[in-house]
Amino acid sequence: MEMKLSTSEREELRKLQKNLCGSSDYARVTCLLMLDKGHTPSAVSGCLGIDAALKKHPDAPVIYIISDNARYYHNRDLREWAEGRK
């Protein structure tokens, strides 16, 4: 998966990230910047705690990860990765 932001978009997101430190929106901006840097959806999902939940509850028939309706959660590659899990 490739996500490339323009230089101006990246700069704006970095400014926003600094201003959002400590808020729930901080994670959203950070994930977008991680995808832009070339991190895989697996790496990003690890940051979101999905892998930890799967390890903690390996026998659970379903694991619900509750998230807001942020755009990066709707990423096709991230959805495909999640579908391959429990």
N, C-alpha and C. Protein backbone atom coordinates (compact mmCIF):
# COMPACT_ATOMS: atom_id res chain seq x y z
N MET A 1 0.84 -1.18 0.00
CA MET A 1 0.00 0.00 0.00
C MET A 1 0.88 1.23 0.00
N GLU A 2 0.52 2.16 -0.80
CA GLU A 2 1.26 3.41 -0.81
C GLU A 2 0.33 4.57 -0.56
N MET A 3 0.74 5.41 0.34
CA MET A 3 0.01 6.64 0.61
C MET A 3 1.03 7.75 0.57
N LYS A 4 0.87 8.67 -0.31
CA LYS A 4 1.82 9.76 -0.43
C LYS A 4 1.11 11.10 -0.26
N LEU A 5 1.57 11.82 0.72
CA LEU A 5 1.06 13.17 0.94
C LEU A 5 1.97 14.16 0.23
N SER A 6 1.40 15.27 -0.13
CA SER A 6 2.24 16.33 -0.69
C SER A 6 3.04 16.94 0.46
N THR A 7 4.08 17.66 0.14
CA THR A 7 4.91 18.30 1.16
C THR A 7 4.07 19.23 2.02
N SER A 8 3.18 19.99 1.41
CA SER A 8 2.36 20.92 2.19
C SER A 8 1.37 20.18 3.09
N GLU A 9 0.80 19.08 2.60
CA GLU A 9 -0.10 18.29 3.44
C GLU A 9 0.65 17.71 4.64
N ARG A 10 1.84 17.19 4.38
CA ARG A 10 2.65 16.61 5.45
C ARG A 10 3.00 17.66 6.50
N GLU A 11 3.39 18.83 6.06
CA GLU A 11 3.74 19.91 6.99
C GLU A 11 2.54 20.33 7.82
N GLU A 12 1.38 20.42 7.19
CA GLU A 12 0.17 20.80 7.92
C GLU A 12 -0.21 19.73 8.96
N LEU A 13 -0.07 18.47 8.58
CA LEU A 13 -0.38 17.40 9.52
C LEU A 13 0.60 17.39 10.69
N ARG A 14 1.86 17.68 10.44
CA ARG A 14 2.83 17.73 11.53
C ARG A 14 2.52 18.88 12.49
N LYS A 15 2.13 20.01 11.96
CA LYS A 15 1.72 21.14 12.82
C LYS A 15 0.50 20.75 13.64
N LEU A 16 -0.46 20.13 12.98
CA LEU A 16 -1.68 19.70 13.65
C LEU A 16 -1.36 18.68 14.73
N GLN A 17 -0.46 17.76 14.42
CA GLN A 17 -0.06 16.74 15.38
C GLN A 17 0.50 17.37 16.66
N LYS A 18 1.34 18.37 16.52
CA LYS A 18 1.91 19.05 17.68
C LYS A 18 0.82 19.71 18.53
N ASN A 19 -0.16 20.28 17.86
CA ASN A 19 -1.25 20.96 18.58
C ASN A 19 -2.23 19.99 19.23
N LEU A 20 -2.28 18.75 18.74
CA LEU A 20 -3.25 17.78 19.24
C LEU A 20 -2.68 16.83 20.29
N CYS A 21 -1.44 17.01 20.65
CA CYS A 21 -0.80 16.12 21.62
C CYS A 21 -1.68 15.98 22.86
N GLY A 22 -1.99 14.74 23.23
CA GLY A 22 -2.83 14.49 24.38
C GLY A 22 -4.30 14.31 24.06
N SER A 23 -4.70 14.56 22.82
CA SER A 23 -6.11 14.39 22.46
C SER A 23 -6.28 13.11 21.63
N SER A 24 -7.51 12.68 21.46
CA SER A 24 -7.77 11.47 20.67
C SER A 24 -7.44 11.68 19.19
N ASP A 25 -7.49 12.89 18.73
CA ASP A 25 -7.17 13.16 17.32
C ASP A 25 -5.69 13.00 17.02
N TYR A 26 -4.87 13.00 18.05
CA TYR A 26 -3.42 12.84 17.86
C TYR A 26 -3.11 11.52 17.16
N ALA A 27 -3.78 10.45 17.57
CA ALA A 27 -3.55 9.13 16.97
C ALA A 27 -3.94 9.11 15.50
N ARG A 28 -5.02 9.78 15.16
CA ARG A 28 -5.45 9.82 13.75
C ARG A 28 -4.38 10.44 12.87
N VAL A 29 -3.88 11.57 13.29
CA VAL A 29 -2.88 12.28 12.50
C VAL A 29 -1.59 11.47 12.44
N THR A 30 -1.22 10.88 13.57
CA THR A 30 -0.01 10.08 13.62
C THR A 30 -0.09 8.89 12.66
N CYS A 31 -1.25 8.23 12.60
CA CYS A 31 -1.41 7.10 11.69
C CYS A 31 -1.30 7.53 10.23
N LEU A 32 -1.87 8.64 9.91
CA LEU A 32 -1.74 9.13 8.53
C LEU A 32 -0.28 9.41 8.19
N LEU A 33 0.44 10.01 9.11
CA LEU A 33 1.86 10.28 8.88
C LEU A 33 2.67 8.98 8.80
N MET A 34 2.29 7.99 9.58
CA MET A 34 2.97 6.69 9.52
C MET A 34 2.76 6.03 8.16
N LEU A 35 1.53 6.04 7.66
CA LEU A 35 1.26 5.47 6.35
C LEU A 35 2.02 6.22 5.27
N ASP A 36 2.10 7.53 5.39
CA ASP A 36 2.84 8.34 4.43
C ASP A 36 4.33 8.00 4.44
N LYS A 37 4.86 7.65 5.61
CA LYS A 37 6.28 7.30 5.72
C LYS A 37 6.57 5.91 5.20
N GLY A 38 5.52 5.18 4.82
CA GLY A 38 5.73 3.85 4.25
C GLY A 38 5.51 2.71 5.21
N HIS A 39 5.02 2.99 6.40
CA HIS A 39 4.71 1.90 7.33
C HIS A 39 3.57 1.08 6.76
N THR A 40 3.63 -0.20 6.99
CA THR A 40 2.59 -1.10 6.48
C THR A 40 1.33 -1.00 7.34
N PRO A 41 0.20 -1.41 6.78
CA PRO A 41 -1.00 -1.46 7.62
C PRO A 41 -0.81 -2.32 8.85
N SER A 42 0.00 -3.39 8.75
CA SER A 42 0.29 -4.22 9.93
C SER A 42 0.98 -3.42 11.01
N ALA A 43 1.94 -2.61 10.62
CA ALA A 43 2.65 -1.79 11.60
C ALA A 43 1.71 -0.78 12.25
N VAL A 44 0.86 -0.19 11.44
CA VAL A 44 -0.10 0.79 11.97
C VAL A 44 -1.10 0.08 12.89
N SER A 45 -1.56 -1.10 12.48
CA SER A 45 -2.51 -1.83 13.33
C SER A 45 -1.86 -2.21 14.66
N GLY A 46 -0.57 -2.50 14.64
CA GLY A 46 0.13 -2.77 15.88
C GLY A 46 0.09 -1.59 16.80
N CYS A 47 0.23 -0.41 16.25
CA CYS A 47 0.15 0.81 17.04
C CYS A 47 -1.26 1.03 17.59
N LEU A 48 -2.25 0.54 16.88
CA LEU A 48 -3.63 0.69 17.34
C LEU A 48 -4.02 -0.37 18.37
N GLY A 49 -3.16 -1.35 18.59
CA GLY A 49 -3.43 -2.36 19.59
C GLY A 49 -4.16 -3.59 19.09
N ILE A 50 -4.33 -3.73 17.80
CA ILE A 50 -5.05 -4.88 17.26
C ILE A 50 -4.28 -6.17 17.51
N ASP A 51 -2.98 -6.16 17.24
CA ASP A 51 -2.17 -7.36 17.46
C ASP A 51 -2.17 -7.76 18.93
N ALA A 52 -2.07 -6.80 19.82
CA ALA A 52 -2.07 -7.08 21.26
C ALA A 52 -3.39 -7.71 21.68
N ALA A 53 -4.50 -7.24 21.14
CA ALA A 53 -5.81 -7.81 21.47
C ALA A 53 -5.91 -9.25 20.99
N LEU A 54 -5.37 -9.53 19.80
CA LEU A 54 -5.41 -10.90 19.28
C LEU A 54 -4.55 -11.84 20.13
N LYS A 55 -3.40 -11.35 20.60
CA LYS A 55 -2.54 -12.18 21.45
C LYS A 55 -3.14 -12.40 22.83
N LYS A 56 -3.79 -11.38 23.35
CA LYS A 56 -4.37 -11.47 24.68
C LYS A 56 -5.60 -12.40 24.71
N HIS A 57 -6.33 -12.45 23.61
CA HIS A 57 -7.56 -13.24 23.54
C HIS A 57 -7.53 -14.15 22.31
N PRO A 58 -6.58 -15.11 22.26
CA PRO A 58 -6.44 -15.93 21.05
C PRO A 58 -7.62 -16.85 20.76
N ASP A 59 -8.39 -17.21 21.78
CA ASP A 59 -9.51 -18.12 21.57
C ASP A 59 -10.85 -17.42 21.43
N ALA A 60 -10.83 -16.14 21.49
CA ALA A 60 -12.09 -15.39 21.37
C ALA A 60 -12.65 -15.55 19.95
N PRO A 61 -13.93 -15.87 19.82
CA PRO A 61 -14.49 -16.02 18.47
C PRO A 61 -14.53 -14.70 17.71
N VAL A 62 -14.68 -13.60 18.43
CA VAL A 62 -14.73 -12.28 17.80
C VAL A 62 -14.03 -11.30 18.74
N ILE A 63 -13.24 -10.43 18.17
CA ILE A 63 -12.64 -9.34 18.94
C ILE A 63 -13.09 -8.05 18.30
N TYR A 64 -13.71 -7.21 19.08
CA TYR A 64 -14.18 -5.93 18.59
C TYR A 64 -13.17 -4.85 18.95
N ILE A 65 -12.71 -4.15 17.95
CA ILE A 65 -11.86 -3.00 18.16
C ILE A 65 -12.76 -1.79 17.94
N ILE A 66 -13.00 -1.06 18.99
CA ILE A 66 -13.90 0.09 18.88
C ILE A 66 -13.08 1.30 18.51
N SER A 67 -13.50 1.92 17.44
CA SER A 67 -12.78 3.10 16.96
C SER A 67 -13.79 4.17 16.58
N ASP A 68 -13.28 5.35 16.40
CA ASP A 68 -14.15 6.39 15.88
C ASP A 68 -14.27 6.17 14.37
N ASN A 69 -14.85 7.06 13.67
CA ASN A 69 -15.07 6.89 12.24
C ASN A 69 -13.96 7.56 11.43
N ALA A 70 -12.74 7.45 11.91
CA ALA A 70 -11.62 8.10 11.23
C ALA A 70 -11.37 7.49 9.86
N ARG A 71 -10.90 8.29 8.96
CA ARG A 71 -10.70 7.89 7.58
C ARG A 71 -9.72 6.72 7.45
N TYR A 72 -8.66 6.71 8.25
CA TYR A 72 -7.65 5.66 8.09
C TYR A 72 -8.17 4.29 8.48
N TYR A 73 -9.24 4.19 9.26
CA TYR A 73 -9.80 2.89 9.60
C TYR A 73 -10.52 2.29 8.39
N HIS A 74 -10.81 3.08 7.40
CA HIS A 74 -11.52 2.61 6.22
C HIS A 74 -10.57 2.30 5.07
N ASN A 75 -9.28 2.32 5.34
CA ASN A 75 -8.27 2.04 4.35
C ASN A 75 -8.45 0.60 3.85
N ARG A 76 -8.49 0.40 2.55
CA ARG A 76 -8.75 -0.92 1.96
C ARG A 76 -7.73 -1.95 2.42
N ASP A 77 -6.45 -1.61 2.40
CA ASP A 77 -5.42 -2.56 2.80
C ASP A 77 -5.53 -2.93 4.27
N LEU A 78 -5.85 -1.97 5.10
CA LEU A 78 -6.01 -2.24 6.52
C LEU A 78 -7.23 -3.14 6.75
N ARG A 79 -8.32 -2.90 6.01
CA ARG A 79 -9.51 -3.76 6.11
C ARG A 79 -9.19 -5.19 5.67
N GLU A 80 -8.46 -5.32 4.56
CA GLU A 80 -8.10 -6.64 4.07
C GLU A 80 -7.23 -7.37 5.09
N TRP A 81 -6.30 -6.66 5.70
CA TRP A 81 -5.46 -7.27 6.72
C TRP A 81 -6.33 -7.73 7.90
N ALA A 82 -7.26 -6.92 8.33
CA ALA A 82 -8.11 -7.25 9.47
C ALA A 82 -9.02 -8.43 9.15
N GLU A 83 -9.48 -8.55 7.92
CA GLU A 83 -10.35 -9.66 7.55
C GLU A 83 -9.61 -11.00 7.62
N GLY A 84 -8.31 -10.97 7.46
CA GLY A 84 -7.52 -12.19 7.54
C GLY A 84 -7.28 -12.64 8.97
N ARG A 85 -7.68 -11.84 9.92
CA ARG A 85 -7.55 -12.15 11.35
C ARG A 85 -8.87 -12.70 11.85
N LYS A 86 -8.93 -12.98 13.15
CA LYS A 86 -10.19 -13.48 13.74
C LYS A 86 -11.27 -12.45 13.66
